[in-house]
């Protein structure tokens, strides 16, 4: 019997912000740290399912994928989306991937400093820039866009304007956390 397909519902910017606010309210009591951990783990699990690393492909009972994705470039922005990328990098490392973090603008807040320390303790390399799209394509099997999320407004400024321009030229598959960076979720539907 054929399963009925349900229409997928998309959240707008305000709806996504309200969900975060409600989760962090006294009613539910989540902290930003917890939400970031859950988001980063969810990103890593989705990548593990859709873009298996050699370690996952070997341990899976399913047929092996036609392509393995080992080297992952995670691009982290200065806000919570960047924090999600840092958490995802840590989990991807544990899943057998070789993550590298492009983190050109680091906030000096304890939460983010702790996430950086955790990644450094796992010997996850950090880079401040990428040269060209060709260099990214030659080195990485997958890119994770954790630059800007739902709450981003305004114009894209340095250094992220150049980073996004380079990523748009890449042939490597890109997985975006929340939404593709630079896409205005309300205007571009």
N, C-alpha and C. Protein backbone atom coordinates (compact mmCIF):
# COMPACT_ATOMS: atom_id res chain seq x y z
N UNK A 1 0.84 -1.18 0.00
CA UNK A 1 0.00 0.00 0.00
C UNK A 1 0.89 1.24 0.00
N UNK A 2 0.53 2.19 -0.75
CA UNK A 2 1.31 3.42 -0.90
C UNK A 2 1.04 4.36 0.27
N UNK A 3 2.11 4.89 0.84
CA UNK A 3 1.97 5.85 1.93
C UNK A 3 1.58 7.21 1.38
N UNK A 4 0.70 7.86 2.08
CA UNK A 4 0.32 9.22 1.69
C UNK A 4 1.43 10.18 2.07
N UNK A 5 1.77 11.05 1.16
CA UNK A 5 2.79 12.05 1.44
C UNK A 5 2.15 13.24 2.12
N UNK A 6 2.80 13.70 3.18
CA UNK A 6 2.32 14.89 3.86
C UNK A 6 3.11 16.08 3.37
N UNK A 7 2.44 17.18 3.26
CA UNK A 7 3.12 18.40 2.85
C UNK A 7 4.09 18.83 3.95
N UNK A 8 5.27 19.22 3.55
CA UNK A 8 6.26 19.68 4.50
C UNK A 8 5.96 21.13 4.87
N UNK A 9 6.06 21.42 6.15
CA UNK A 9 5.82 22.79 6.60
C UNK A 9 7.17 23.45 6.87
N UNK A 10 7.30 24.65 6.39
CA UNK A 10 8.51 25.43 6.60
C UNK A 10 8.23 26.53 7.61
N UNK A 11 9.21 26.77 8.46
CA UNK A 11 9.09 27.86 9.43
C UNK A 11 9.62 29.14 8.83
N UNK A 12 8.92 30.21 9.05
CA UNK A 12 9.44 31.52 8.69
C UNK A 12 10.40 32.00 9.76
N UNK A 13 11.02 33.13 9.52
CA UNK A 13 12.01 33.67 10.45
C UNK A 13 11.40 33.92 11.83
N UNK A 14 10.27 34.58 11.88
CA UNK A 14 9.65 34.89 13.17
C UNK A 14 9.21 33.63 13.90
N UNK A 15 8.68 32.66 13.16
CA UNK A 15 8.26 31.40 13.77
C UNK A 15 9.45 30.66 14.39
N UNK A 16 10.55 30.60 13.67
CA UNK A 16 11.75 29.93 14.19
C UNK A 16 12.26 30.63 15.44
N UNK A 17 12.25 31.95 15.44
CA UNK A 17 12.69 32.69 16.62
C UNK A 17 11.76 32.44 17.80
N UNK A 18 10.46 32.36 17.54
CA UNK A 18 9.49 32.09 18.61
C UNK A 18 9.70 30.69 19.20
N UNK A 19 10.01 29.72 18.36
CA UNK A 19 10.27 28.37 18.85
C UNK A 19 11.47 28.40 19.80
N UNK A 20 12.56 29.06 19.40
CA UNK A 20 13.73 29.17 20.27
C UNK A 20 13.36 29.86 21.59
N UNK A 21 12.64 30.96 21.50
CA UNK A 21 12.25 31.69 22.72
C UNK A 21 11.40 30.83 23.64
N UNK A 22 10.47 30.08 23.06
CA UNK A 22 9.61 29.24 23.87
C UNK A 22 10.41 28.11 24.53
N UNK A 23 11.32 27.50 23.79
CA UNK A 23 12.14 26.44 24.37
C UNK A 23 13.00 26.95 25.52
N UNK A 24 13.44 28.22 25.43
CA UNK A 24 14.29 28.79 26.48
C UNK A 24 13.48 29.48 27.58
N UNK A 25 12.17 29.44 27.48
CA UNK A 25 11.33 30.07 28.50
C UNK A 25 11.31 29.20 29.76
N UNK A 26 10.76 29.75 30.82
CA UNK A 26 10.66 29.00 32.07
C UNK A 26 9.75 27.78 31.92
N UNK A 27 8.87 27.79 30.94
CA UNK A 27 7.98 26.66 30.71
C UNK A 27 8.76 25.40 30.34
N UNK A 28 9.77 25.53 29.46
CA UNK A 28 10.54 24.38 29.01
C UNK A 28 11.95 24.34 29.60
N UNK A 29 12.55 25.48 29.86
CA UNK A 29 13.80 25.54 30.59
C UNK A 29 15.07 25.11 29.87
N UNK A 30 15.07 25.11 28.55
CA UNK A 30 16.30 24.78 27.83
C UNK A 30 17.25 25.98 27.86
N UNK A 31 18.54 25.69 27.92
CA UNK A 31 19.54 26.75 27.81
C UNK A 31 20.02 26.81 26.36
N UNK A 32 20.66 27.90 26.01
CA UNK A 32 21.22 28.02 24.66
C UNK A 32 22.26 26.93 24.43
N UNK A 33 23.01 26.57 25.48
CA UNK A 33 24.01 25.50 25.37
C UNK A 33 23.34 24.18 24.96
N UNK A 34 22.21 23.88 25.61
CA UNK A 34 21.52 22.63 25.30
C UNK A 34 20.98 22.63 23.87
N UNK A 35 20.38 23.74 23.47
CA UNK A 35 19.83 23.82 22.12
C UNK A 35 20.93 23.70 21.07
N UNK A 36 22.08 24.32 21.36
CA UNK A 36 23.21 24.24 20.43
C UNK A 36 23.73 22.81 20.34
N UNK A 37 23.80 22.13 21.47
CA UNK A 37 24.26 20.75 21.49
C UNK A 37 23.30 19.86 20.69
N UNK A 38 22.01 20.04 20.90
CA UNK A 38 21.02 19.25 20.16
C UNK A 38 21.07 19.54 18.66
N UNK A 39 21.20 20.81 18.30
CA UNK A 39 21.27 21.17 16.88
C UNK A 39 22.52 20.59 16.23
N UNK A 40 23.67 20.74 16.88
CA UNK A 40 24.92 20.23 16.32
C UNK A 40 24.91 18.72 16.17
N UNK A 41 24.37 18.03 17.18
CA UNK A 41 24.27 16.57 17.09
C UNK A 41 23.32 16.17 15.97
N UNK A 42 22.21 16.87 15.83
CA UNK A 42 21.26 16.57 14.76
C UNK A 42 21.88 16.76 13.38
N UNK A 43 22.67 17.81 13.23
CA UNK A 43 23.37 18.06 11.96
C UNK A 43 24.33 16.90 11.67
N UNK A 44 25.10 16.51 12.68
CA UNK A 44 26.07 15.42 12.49
C UNK A 44 25.37 14.11 12.15
N UNK A 45 24.26 13.82 12.81
CA UNK A 45 23.51 12.59 12.53
C UNK A 45 22.93 12.60 11.11
N UNK A 46 22.40 13.74 10.70
CA UNK A 46 21.85 13.85 9.34
C UNK A 46 22.96 13.65 8.30
N UNK A 47 24.13 14.22 8.56
CA UNK A 47 25.26 14.04 7.65
C UNK A 47 25.67 12.58 7.63
N UNK A 48 25.74 11.95 8.81
CA UNK A 48 26.10 10.54 8.87
C UNK A 48 25.16 9.66 8.06
N UNK A 49 23.90 10.02 8.02
CA UNK A 49 22.91 9.25 7.27
C UNK A 49 23.00 9.52 5.77
N UNK A 50 23.11 10.77 5.39
CA UNK A 50 23.05 11.15 3.97
C UNK A 50 24.41 11.18 3.27
N UNK A 51 25.47 11.40 4.03
CA UNK A 51 26.83 11.51 3.47
C UNK A 51 27.77 10.66 4.31
N UNK A 52 27.70 9.33 4.19
CA UNK A 52 28.45 8.46 5.09
C UNK A 52 29.96 8.58 4.94
N UNK A 53 30.62 8.55 6.09
CA UNK A 53 32.09 8.49 6.11
C UNK A 53 32.51 7.05 5.87
N UNK A 54 33.78 6.81 5.59
CA UNK A 54 34.24 5.43 5.44
C UNK A 54 33.94 4.59 6.67
N UNK A 55 34.07 5.17 7.87
CA UNK A 55 33.81 4.42 9.10
C UNK A 55 32.35 4.02 9.20
N UNK A 56 31.45 4.91 8.85
CA UNK A 56 30.02 4.60 8.89
C UNK A 56 29.65 3.61 7.81
N UNK A 57 30.22 3.76 6.63
CA UNK A 57 29.92 2.84 5.52
C UNK A 57 30.37 1.42 5.87
N UNK A 58 31.51 1.28 6.56
CA UNK A 58 32.01 -0.04 6.93
C UNK A 58 31.16 -0.69 8.01
N UNK A 59 30.65 0.12 8.95
CA UNK A 59 29.90 -0.45 10.07
C UNK A 59 28.42 -0.62 9.77
N UNK A 60 27.96 -0.08 8.67
CA UNK A 60 26.54 -0.12 8.33
C UNK A 60 26.16 -1.47 7.73
N UNK A 61 24.97 -1.94 8.09
CA UNK A 61 24.44 -3.16 7.49
C UNK A 61 23.85 -2.89 6.11
N UNK A 62 23.58 -1.63 5.84
CA UNK A 62 23.00 -1.25 4.55
C UNK A 62 24.06 -1.35 3.47
N UNK A 63 23.61 -1.32 2.23
CA UNK A 63 24.55 -1.34 1.12
C UNK A 63 25.46 -0.12 1.22
N UNK A 64 26.71 -0.31 0.86
CA UNK A 64 27.63 0.82 0.97
C UNK A 64 27.27 1.89 -0.05
N UNK A 65 27.52 3.12 0.36
CA UNK A 65 27.20 4.26 -0.50
C UNK A 65 28.11 4.29 -1.71
N UNK A 66 27.65 4.94 -2.75
CA UNK A 66 28.46 5.03 -3.96
C UNK A 66 29.64 5.97 -3.77
N UNK A 67 29.57 6.82 -2.76
CA UNK A 67 30.66 7.75 -2.48
C UNK A 67 30.81 7.89 -0.98
N UNK A 68 32.04 8.03 -0.53
CA UNK A 68 32.30 8.25 0.89
C UNK A 68 32.71 9.69 1.10
N UNK A 69 32.29 10.24 2.21
CA UNK A 69 32.55 11.64 2.54
C UNK A 69 33.35 11.67 3.84
N UNK A 70 34.65 11.83 3.72
CA UNK A 70 35.51 11.81 4.90
C UNK A 70 35.89 13.21 5.34
N UNK A 71 36.37 14.03 4.42
CA UNK A 71 36.91 15.35 4.76
C UNK A 71 35.81 16.40 4.66
N UNK A 72 35.50 17.00 5.80
CA UNK A 72 34.38 17.93 5.89
C UNK A 72 34.88 19.30 6.33
N UNK A 73 34.54 20.32 5.56
CA UNK A 73 34.83 21.71 5.94
C UNK A 73 33.57 22.29 6.56
N UNK A 74 33.67 22.68 7.82
CA UNK A 74 32.55 23.33 8.50
C UNK A 74 32.88 24.81 8.61
N UNK A 75 32.01 25.65 8.07
CA UNK A 75 32.22 27.09 8.08
C UNK A 75 31.34 27.67 9.17
N UNK A 76 31.97 28.23 10.20
CA UNK A 76 31.25 28.72 11.38
C UNK A 76 31.20 30.24 11.40
N UNK A 77 30.00 30.75 11.58
CA UNK A 77 29.81 32.19 11.72
C UNK A 77 29.95 32.62 13.17
N UNK A 78 29.75 33.90 13.43
CA UNK A 78 29.99 34.45 14.77
C UNK A 78 28.83 34.25 15.76
N UNK A 79 27.71 33.71 15.30
CA UNK A 79 26.55 33.57 16.18
C UNK A 79 26.24 32.13 16.54
N UNK A 80 24.99 31.90 16.91
CA UNK A 80 24.58 30.57 17.35
C UNK A 80 24.68 29.52 16.25
N UNK A 81 24.48 29.90 15.01
CA UNK A 81 24.65 28.96 13.90
C UNK A 81 26.09 28.46 13.84
N UNK A 82 27.03 29.38 14.10
CA UNK A 82 28.43 28.99 14.17
C UNK A 82 28.69 28.03 15.32
N UNK A 83 28.02 28.26 16.45
CA UNK A 83 28.13 27.34 17.58
C UNK A 83 27.61 25.96 17.22
N UNK A 84 26.51 25.92 16.48
CA UNK A 84 25.98 24.63 16.01
C UNK A 84 27.03 23.91 15.15
N UNK A 85 27.74 24.65 14.32
CA UNK A 85 28.78 24.07 13.46
C UNK A 85 29.94 23.53 14.29
N UNK A 86 30.32 24.24 15.35
CA UNK A 86 31.39 23.76 16.23
C UNK A 86 30.99 22.45 16.90
N UNK A 87 29.76 22.38 17.39
CA UNK A 87 29.27 21.15 18.01
C UNK A 87 29.21 20.03 16.97
N UNK A 88 28.71 20.32 15.78
CA UNK A 88 28.64 19.31 14.73
C UNK A 88 30.03 18.77 14.39
N UNK A 89 31.03 19.65 14.35
CA UNK A 89 32.41 19.21 14.06
C UNK A 89 32.88 18.19 15.08
N UNK A 90 32.60 18.45 16.34
CA UNK A 90 33.01 17.53 17.40
C UNK A 90 32.35 16.16 17.21
N UNK A 91 31.06 16.15 16.95
CA UNK A 91 30.37 14.87 16.75
C UNK A 91 30.83 14.17 15.48
N UNK A 92 31.05 14.92 14.41
CA UNK A 92 31.54 14.31 13.17
C UNK A 92 32.90 13.65 13.39
N UNK A 93 33.74 14.26 14.19
CA UNK A 93 35.05 13.66 14.52
C UNK A 93 34.83 12.30 15.19
N UNK A 94 33.89 12.25 16.13
CA UNK A 94 33.60 10.98 16.82
C UNK A 94 32.97 9.95 15.88
N UNK A 95 32.31 10.41 14.82
CA UNK A 95 31.68 9.51 13.86
C UNK A 95 32.67 9.02 12.79
N UNK A 96 33.93 9.44 12.87
CA UNK A 96 34.93 8.95 11.92
C UNK A 96 35.25 9.88 10.76
N UNK A 97 34.70 11.07 10.76
CA UNK A 97 35.02 12.06 9.73
C UNK A 97 36.30 12.80 10.11
N UNK A 98 36.85 13.52 9.15
CA UNK A 98 37.98 14.42 9.38
C UNK A 98 37.50 15.85 9.17
N UNK A 99 36.96 16.46 10.23
CA UNK A 99 36.44 17.82 10.08
C UNK A 99 37.55 18.86 10.15
N UNK A 100 37.35 19.95 9.45
CA UNK A 100 38.19 21.15 9.53
C UNK A 100 37.23 22.32 9.71
N UNK A 101 37.58 23.24 10.60
CA UNK A 101 36.72 24.40 10.87
C UNK A 101 37.30 25.66 10.26
N UNK A 102 36.50 26.32 9.46
CA UNK A 102 36.81 27.67 8.98
C UNK A 102 36.03 28.60 9.89
N UNK A 103 36.75 29.34 10.73
CA UNK A 103 36.12 30.16 11.77
C UNK A 103 36.80 31.51 11.80
N UNK A 104 36.50 32.36 10.82
CA UNK A 104 37.26 33.60 10.66
C UNK A 104 36.93 34.72 11.64
N UNK A 105 35.79 34.65 12.30
CA UNK A 105 35.40 35.74 13.21
C UNK A 105 34.84 35.12 14.49
N UNK A 106 35.72 34.95 15.47
CA UNK A 106 35.35 34.24 16.70
C UNK A 106 34.86 35.21 17.77
N UNK A 107 33.67 34.97 18.31
CA UNK A 107 33.21 35.81 19.41
C UNK A 107 33.97 35.48 20.69
N UNK A 108 34.12 36.46 21.55
CA UNK A 108 34.85 36.23 22.81
C UNK A 108 33.84 36.04 23.95
N UNK A 109 32.98 35.05 23.78
CA UNK A 109 32.02 34.69 24.83
C UNK A 109 32.39 33.31 25.35
N UNK A 110 32.22 33.09 26.65
CA UNK A 110 32.63 31.82 27.25
C UNK A 110 32.06 30.58 26.56
N UNK A 111 30.81 30.61 26.14
CA UNK A 111 30.21 29.45 25.47
C UNK A 111 31.01 29.07 24.22
N UNK A 112 31.32 30.05 23.39
CA UNK A 112 32.03 29.79 22.15
C UNK A 112 33.49 29.43 22.41
N UNK A 113 34.10 30.06 23.39
CA UNK A 113 35.48 29.72 23.74
C UNK A 113 35.56 28.27 24.21
N UNK A 114 34.55 27.82 24.97
CA UNK A 114 34.51 26.43 25.41
C UNK A 114 34.36 25.47 24.24
N UNK A 115 33.52 25.82 23.28
CA UNK A 115 33.34 24.96 22.11
C UNK A 115 34.62 24.86 21.29
N UNK A 116 35.33 25.98 21.16
CA UNK A 116 36.62 25.97 20.45
C UNK A 116 37.60 25.07 21.18
N UNK A 117 37.67 25.19 22.50
CA UNK A 117 38.58 24.35 23.29
C UNK A 117 38.26 22.87 23.09
N UNK A 118 36.98 22.52 23.11
CA UNK A 118 36.59 21.12 22.92
C UNK A 118 37.07 20.60 21.56
N UNK A 119 36.92 21.41 20.52
CA UNK A 119 37.38 21.00 19.19
C UNK A 119 38.90 20.89 19.14
N UNK A 120 39.58 21.83 19.78
CA UNK A 120 41.04 21.78 19.80
C UNK A 120 41.54 20.54 20.52
N UNK A 121 40.86 20.14 21.58
CA UNK A 121 41.26 18.94 22.32
C UNK A 121 41.09 17.67 21.49
N UNK A 122 40.25 17.73 20.49
CA UNK A 122 40.07 16.60 19.57
C UNK A 122 40.96 16.72 18.33
N UNK A 123 41.85 17.71 18.34
CA UNK A 123 42.76 17.96 17.22
C UNK A 123 42.03 18.25 15.91
N UNK A 124 40.90 18.94 16.02
CA UNK A 124 40.19 19.41 14.83
C UNK A 124 40.89 20.68 14.37
N UNK A 125 41.41 20.70 13.16
CA UNK A 125 42.13 21.90 12.70
C UNK A 125 41.19 23.07 12.42
N UNK A 126 41.72 24.26 12.68
CA UNK A 126 41.03 25.52 12.38
C UNK A 126 41.80 26.25 11.30
N UNK A 127 41.07 26.85 10.36
CA UNK A 127 41.68 27.71 9.35
C UNK A 127 40.94 29.04 9.36
N UNK A 128 41.61 30.09 8.95
CA UNK A 128 41.01 31.43 8.95
C UNK A 128 40.47 31.84 7.59
N UNK A 129 40.91 31.15 6.55
CA UNK A 129 40.44 31.49 5.20
C UNK A 129 40.66 30.31 4.27
N UNK A 130 39.96 30.34 3.14
CA UNK A 130 40.18 29.37 2.07
C UNK A 130 40.59 30.16 0.84
N UNK A 131 41.51 29.60 0.10
CA UNK A 131 42.06 30.34 -1.04
C UNK A 131 41.06 30.45 -2.19
N UNK A 132 40.65 29.33 -2.72
CA UNK A 132 39.78 29.33 -3.91
C UNK A 132 38.78 28.19 -3.81
N UNK A 133 37.76 28.27 -4.65
CA UNK A 133 36.79 27.18 -4.73
C UNK A 133 37.47 25.89 -5.18
N UNK A 134 38.41 26.01 -6.11
CA UNK A 134 39.13 24.82 -6.58
C UNK A 134 39.90 24.15 -5.44
N UNK A 135 40.50 24.97 -4.56
CA UNK A 135 41.23 24.42 -3.42
C UNK A 135 40.29 23.70 -2.46
N UNK A 136 39.11 24.26 -2.24
CA UNK A 136 38.12 23.62 -1.38
C UNK A 136 37.67 22.30 -2.01
N UNK A 137 37.34 22.33 -3.30
CA UNK A 137 36.88 21.13 -3.99
C UNK A 137 37.94 20.03 -3.98
N UNK A 138 39.21 20.40 -4.08
CA UNK A 138 40.29 19.40 -4.10
C UNK A 138 40.49 18.75 -2.73
N UNK A 139 40.20 19.48 -1.66
CA UNK A 139 40.53 19.00 -0.32
C UNK A 139 39.35 18.39 0.43
N UNK A 140 38.13 18.85 0.14
CA UNK A 140 36.99 18.45 0.96
C UNK A 140 35.94 17.70 0.16
N UNK A 141 35.27 16.76 0.84
CA UNK A 141 34.20 15.97 0.24
C UNK A 141 32.82 16.56 0.52
N UNK A 142 32.75 17.42 1.55
CA UNK A 142 31.48 17.99 1.98
C UNK A 142 31.76 19.31 2.69
N UNK A 143 30.83 20.26 2.55
CA UNK A 143 30.92 21.55 3.23
C UNK A 143 29.67 21.70 4.09
N UNK A 144 29.85 22.19 5.31
CA UNK A 144 28.72 22.51 6.19
C UNK A 144 28.70 24.02 6.37
N UNK A 145 27.60 24.64 5.97
CA UNK A 145 27.40 26.08 6.08
C UNK A 145 26.74 26.39 7.41
N UNK A 146 27.53 26.88 8.36
CA UNK A 146 27.03 27.29 9.66
C UNK A 146 27.33 28.76 9.89
N UNK A 147 27.24 29.56 8.84
CA UNK A 147 27.60 30.98 8.95
C UNK A 147 26.47 31.78 9.57
N UNK A 148 25.35 31.85 8.89
CA UNK A 148 24.20 32.62 9.38
C UNK A 148 22.97 31.73 9.38
N UNK A 149 22.07 31.97 10.32
CA UNK A 149 20.84 31.19 10.41
C UNK A 149 19.62 32.04 10.21
N UNK A 150 18.52 31.60 10.79
CA UNK A 150 17.23 32.27 10.65
C UNK A 150 17.24 33.73 11.09
N UNK A 151 18.00 34.03 12.11
CA UNK A 151 17.91 35.38 12.69
C UNK A 151 18.75 36.42 11.96
N UNK A 152 19.50 36.01 10.94
CA UNK A 152 20.36 36.97 10.24
C UNK A 152 19.53 38.01 9.49
N UNK A 153 19.93 39.26 9.65
CA UNK A 153 19.31 40.37 8.91
C UNK A 153 20.42 41.31 8.46
N UNK A 154 20.15 42.05 7.42
CA UNK A 154 21.12 43.04 6.95
C UNK A 154 21.95 42.51 5.81
N UNK A 155 23.02 43.23 5.53
CA UNK A 155 23.89 42.83 4.42
C UNK A 155 25.05 41.98 4.95
N UNK A 156 25.58 41.17 4.08
CA UNK A 156 26.70 40.30 4.44
C UNK A 156 27.98 41.12 4.34
N UNK A 157 28.73 41.13 5.43
CA UNK A 157 29.97 41.92 5.50
C UNK A 157 31.18 41.00 5.58
N UNK A 158 32.35 41.62 5.45
CA UNK A 158 33.62 40.90 5.56
C UNK A 158 33.72 40.29 6.96
N UNK A 159 34.33 39.14 7.04
CA UNK A 159 34.97 38.35 5.99
C UNK A 159 34.01 37.39 5.28
N UNK A 160 32.75 37.40 5.70
CA UNK A 160 31.82 36.39 5.20
C UNK A 160 31.35 36.63 3.78
N UNK A 161 31.44 37.85 3.29
CA UNK A 161 31.08 38.10 1.90
C UNK A 161 31.99 37.32 0.96
N UNK A 162 33.29 37.33 1.23
CA UNK A 162 34.24 36.58 0.40
C UNK A 162 34.07 35.07 0.59
N UNK A 163 33.83 34.65 1.83
CA UNK A 163 33.66 33.22 2.11
C UNK A 163 32.45 32.69 1.34
N UNK A 164 31.32 33.38 1.44
CA UNK A 164 30.11 32.93 0.75
C UNK A 164 30.29 32.95 -0.76
N UNK A 165 30.97 33.96 -1.27
CA UNK A 165 31.26 34.03 -2.70
C UNK A 165 32.07 32.82 -3.16
N UNK A 166 33.07 32.44 -2.37
CA UNK A 166 33.88 31.27 -2.70
C UNK A 166 33.04 30.00 -2.65
N UNK A 167 32.22 29.85 -1.59
CA UNK A 167 31.41 28.64 -1.46
C UNK A 167 30.43 28.48 -2.61
N UNK A 168 29.90 29.59 -3.11
CA UNK A 168 28.95 29.53 -4.23
C UNK A 168 29.60 28.98 -5.50
N UNK A 169 30.91 29.07 -5.59
CA UNK A 169 31.63 28.58 -6.77
C UNK A 169 32.05 27.12 -6.63
N UNK A 170 31.90 26.55 -5.44
CA UNK A 170 32.35 25.18 -5.18
C UNK A 170 31.43 24.16 -5.83
N UNK A 171 32.01 23.05 -6.23
CA UNK A 171 31.26 21.91 -6.74
C UNK A 171 30.96 20.90 -5.63
N UNK A 172 31.64 21.02 -4.51
CA UNK A 172 31.46 20.15 -3.36
C UNK A 172 30.06 20.35 -2.78
N UNK A 173 29.37 19.26 -2.41
CA UNK A 173 28.03 19.41 -1.82
C UNK A 173 28.08 20.27 -0.54
N UNK A 174 27.05 21.08 -0.35
CA UNK A 174 26.95 21.95 0.83
C UNK A 174 25.69 21.60 1.60
N UNK A 175 25.86 21.37 2.90
CA UNK A 175 24.76 21.16 3.83
C UNK A 175 24.67 22.43 4.67
N UNK A 176 23.49 23.05 4.72
CA UNK A 176 23.32 24.28 5.49
C UNK A 176 22.60 24.00 6.80
N UNK A 177 23.10 24.61 7.87
CA UNK A 177 22.42 24.56 9.16
C UNK A 177 21.35 25.65 9.12
N UNK A 178 20.14 25.32 9.44
CA UNK A 178 18.97 26.20 9.36
C UNK A 178 18.62 26.51 7.91
N UNK A 179 19.31 27.46 7.31
CA UNK A 179 19.06 27.86 5.92
C UNK A 179 20.39 28.22 5.28
N UNK A 180 20.47 28.25 3.94
CA UNK A 180 21.70 28.70 3.30
C UNK A 180 22.02 30.14 3.72
N UNK A 181 23.26 30.38 4.10
CA UNK A 181 23.67 31.71 4.55
C UNK A 181 23.48 32.74 3.45
N UNK A 182 22.90 33.86 3.83
CA UNK A 182 22.65 34.93 2.88
C UNK A 182 21.28 34.88 2.25
N UNK A 183 20.56 33.78 2.45
CA UNK A 183 19.22 33.65 1.90
C UNK A 183 18.24 34.27 2.88
N UNK A 184 17.43 35.17 2.42
CA UNK A 184 16.44 35.80 3.29
C UNK A 184 15.19 34.93 3.27
N UNK A 185 14.94 34.27 4.37
CA UNK A 185 13.88 33.27 4.43
C UNK A 185 12.49 33.85 4.16
N UNK A 186 12.26 35.10 4.49
CA UNK A 186 10.94 35.69 4.28
C UNK A 186 10.75 36.20 2.85
N UNK A 187 11.77 36.79 2.29
CA UNK A 187 11.66 37.42 0.96
C UNK A 187 11.83 36.44 -0.19
N UNK A 188 12.60 35.38 0.02
CA UNK A 188 12.98 34.50 -1.08
C UNK A 188 12.20 33.20 -1.14
N UNK A 189 11.03 33.14 -0.53
CA UNK A 189 10.23 31.91 -0.56
C UNK A 189 9.64 31.68 -1.93
